[in-house]
Amino acid sequence: MGISVTQLVIIMVIVILLFGTKRVRNLGSDLGVAIKSFRNSVKEGEDDKQLSKDESEKVEDSVELQHQSKV
């Protein structure tokens, strides 16, 4: 029940006729930039999450060492 190759070609021809090749090309490049930006943001978010986890472990270790030195 998916889209066949013939239907896809017809849709692309209609889109090109409506918007023109220059606008379709710009839309494609803009979409590529948006996807790349999204991937970079997700990667930075994962890196920040890992960094926060590492920092919290260091704080916990420091607190544990302080507690042991007092006892």
C-alpha atoms as a PDB file:
ATOM      1  CA  MET A   1       0.000   0.000   0.000  1.00  0.00           C
ATOM      2  CA  GLY A   2       3.080   2.223  -0.353  1.00  0.00           C
ATOM      3  CA  ILE A   3       3.936   4.730  -3.046  1.00  0.00           C
ATOM      4  CA  SER A   4       5.112   3.189  -6.298  1.00  0.00           C
ATOM      5  CA  VAL A   5       7.926   4.621  -8.413  1.00  0.00           C
ATOM      6  CA  THR A   6       5.452   5.924 -10.999  1.00  0.00           C
ATOM      7  CA  GLN A   7       3.458   7.796  -8.357  1.00  0.00           C
ATOM      8  CA  LEU A   8       6.654   9.252  -6.902  1.00  0.00           C
ATOM      9  CA  VAL A   9       7.769  10.515 -10.323  1.00  0.00           C
ATOM     10  CA  ILE A  10       4.363  12.109 -10.929  1.00  0.00           C
ATOM     11  CA  ILE A  11       4.491  13.845  -7.548  1.00  0.00           C
ATOM     12  CA  MET A  12       8.018  15.154  -8.232  1.00  0.00           C
ATOM     13  CA  VAL A  13       7.000  16.491 -11.665  1.00  0.00           C
ATOM     14  CA  ILE A  14       4.032  18.319 -10.116  1.00  0.00           C
ATOM     15  CA  VAL A  15       6.229  19.809  -7.362  1.00  0.00           C
ATOM     16  CA  ILE A  16       8.804  20.985  -9.925  1.00  0.00           C
ATOM     17  CA  LEU A  17       6.090  22.537 -12.082  1.00  0.00           C
ATOM     18  CA  LEU A  18       4.548  24.344  -9.102  1.00  0.00           C
ATOM     19  CA  PHE A  19       7.706  25.635  -7.441  1.00  0.00           C
ATOM     20  CA  GLY A  20      10.416  25.508 -10.101  1.00  0.00           C
ATOM     21  CA  THR A  21      13.772  23.787  -9.990  1.00  0.00           C
ATOM     22  CA  LYS A  22      15.595  26.607  -8.188  1.00  0.00           C
ATOM     23  CA  ARG A  23      13.162  26.693  -5.287  1.00  0.00           C
ATOM     24  CA  VAL A  24      13.115  22.886  -5.001  1.00  0.00           C
ATOM     25  CA  ARG A  25      16.945  22.845  -4.963  1.00  0.00           C
ATOM     26  CA  ASN A  26      17.011  25.538  -2.263  1.00  0.00           C
ATOM     27  CA  LEU A  27      14.436  23.614  -0.257  1.00  0.00           C
ATOM     28  CA  GLY A  28      16.579  20.483  -0.469  1.00  0.00           C
ATOM     29  CA  SER A  29      19.727  22.270   0.667  1.00  0.00           C
ATOM     30  CA  ASP A  30      17.851  24.030   3.493  1.00  0.00           C
ATOM     31  CA  LEU A  31      16.448  20.700   4.614  1.00  0.00           C
ATOM     32  CA  GLY A  32      19.957  19.199   4.609  1.00  0.00           C
ATOM     33  CA  VAL A  33      21.299  22.060   6.739  1.00  0.00           C
ATOM     34  CA  ALA A  34      18.390  21.684   9.173  1.00  0.00           C
ATOM     35  CA  ILE A  35      18.983  17.941   9.557  1.00  0.00           C
ATOM     36  CA  LYS A  36      22.721  18.484  10.110  1.00  0.00           C
ATOM     37  CA  SER A  37      22.001  21.147  12.733  1.00  0.00           C
ATOM     38  CA  PHE A  38      19.522  18.861  14.478  1.00  0.00           C
ATOM     39  CA  ARG A  39      22.034  16.002  14.600  1.00  0.00           C
ATOM     40  CA  ASN A  40      24.714  18.308  16.022  1.00  0.00           C
ATOM     41  CA  SER A  41      22.304  19.554  18.698  1.00  0.00           C
ATOM     42  CA  VAL A  42      21.379  16.008  19.695  1.00  0.00           C
ATOM     43  CA  LYS A  43      25.058  15.049  19.872  1.00  0.00           C
ATOM     44  CA  GLU A  44      25.864  18.116  22.014  1.00  0.00           C
ATOM     45  CA  GLY A  45      22.952  17.266  24.301  1.00  0.00           C
ATOM     46  CA  GLU A  46      24.261  13.729  24.778  1.00  0.00           C
ATOM     47  CA  ASP A  47      27.764  15.088  25.444  1.00  0.00           C
ATOM     48  CA  ASP A  48      26.386  17.557  28.009  1.00  0.00           C
ATOM     49  CA  LYS A  49      24.422  14.772  29.671  1.00  0.00           C
ATOM     50  CA  GLN A  50      27.554  12.602  29.932  1.00  0.00           C
ATOM     51  CA  LEU A  51      29.575  15.558  31.249  1.00  0.00           C
ATOM     52  CA  SER A  52      26.942  16.255  33.921  1.00  0.00           C
ATOM     53  CA  LYS A  53      26.961  12.604  34.920  1.00  0.00           C
ATOM     54  CA  ASP A  54      30.767  12.608  35.204  1.00  0.00           C
ATOM     55  CA  GLU A  55      30.707  15.802  37.278  1.00  0.00           C
ATOM     56  CA  SER A  56      28.075  14.444  39.641  1.00  0.00           C
ATOM     57  CA  GLU A  57      30.157  11.297  40.169  1.00  0.00           C
ATOM     58  CA  LYS A  58      33.186  13.460  41.032  1.00  0.00           C
ATOM     59  CA  VAL A  59      31.125  15.449  43.540  1.00  0.00           C
ATOM     60  CA  GLU A  60      29.817  12.257  45.125  1.00  0.00           C
ATOM     61  CA  ASP A  61      33.373  10.886  45.387  1.00  0.00           C
ATOM     62  CA  SER A  62      34.563  14.137  46.949  1.00  0.00           C
ATOM     63  CA  VAL A  63      31.745  14.128  49.495  1.00  0.00           C
ATOM     64  CA  GLU A  64      32.480  10.497  50.342  1.00  0.00           C
ATOM     65  CA  LEU A  65      36.184  11.250  50.852  1.00  0.00           C
ATOM     66  CA  GLN A  66      35.355  14.205  53.110  1.00  0.00           C
ATOM     67  CA  HIS A  67      32.980  12.052  55.116  1.00  0.00           C
ATOM     68  CA  GLN A  68      35.614   9.323  55.520  1.00  0.00           C
ATOM     69  CA  SER A  69      38.259  11.795  56.642  1.00  0.00           C
ATOM     70  CA  LYS A  70      35.956  13.137  59.376  1.00  0.00           C
ATOM     71  CA  VAL A  71      35.224   9.668  60.768  1.00  0.00           C
END
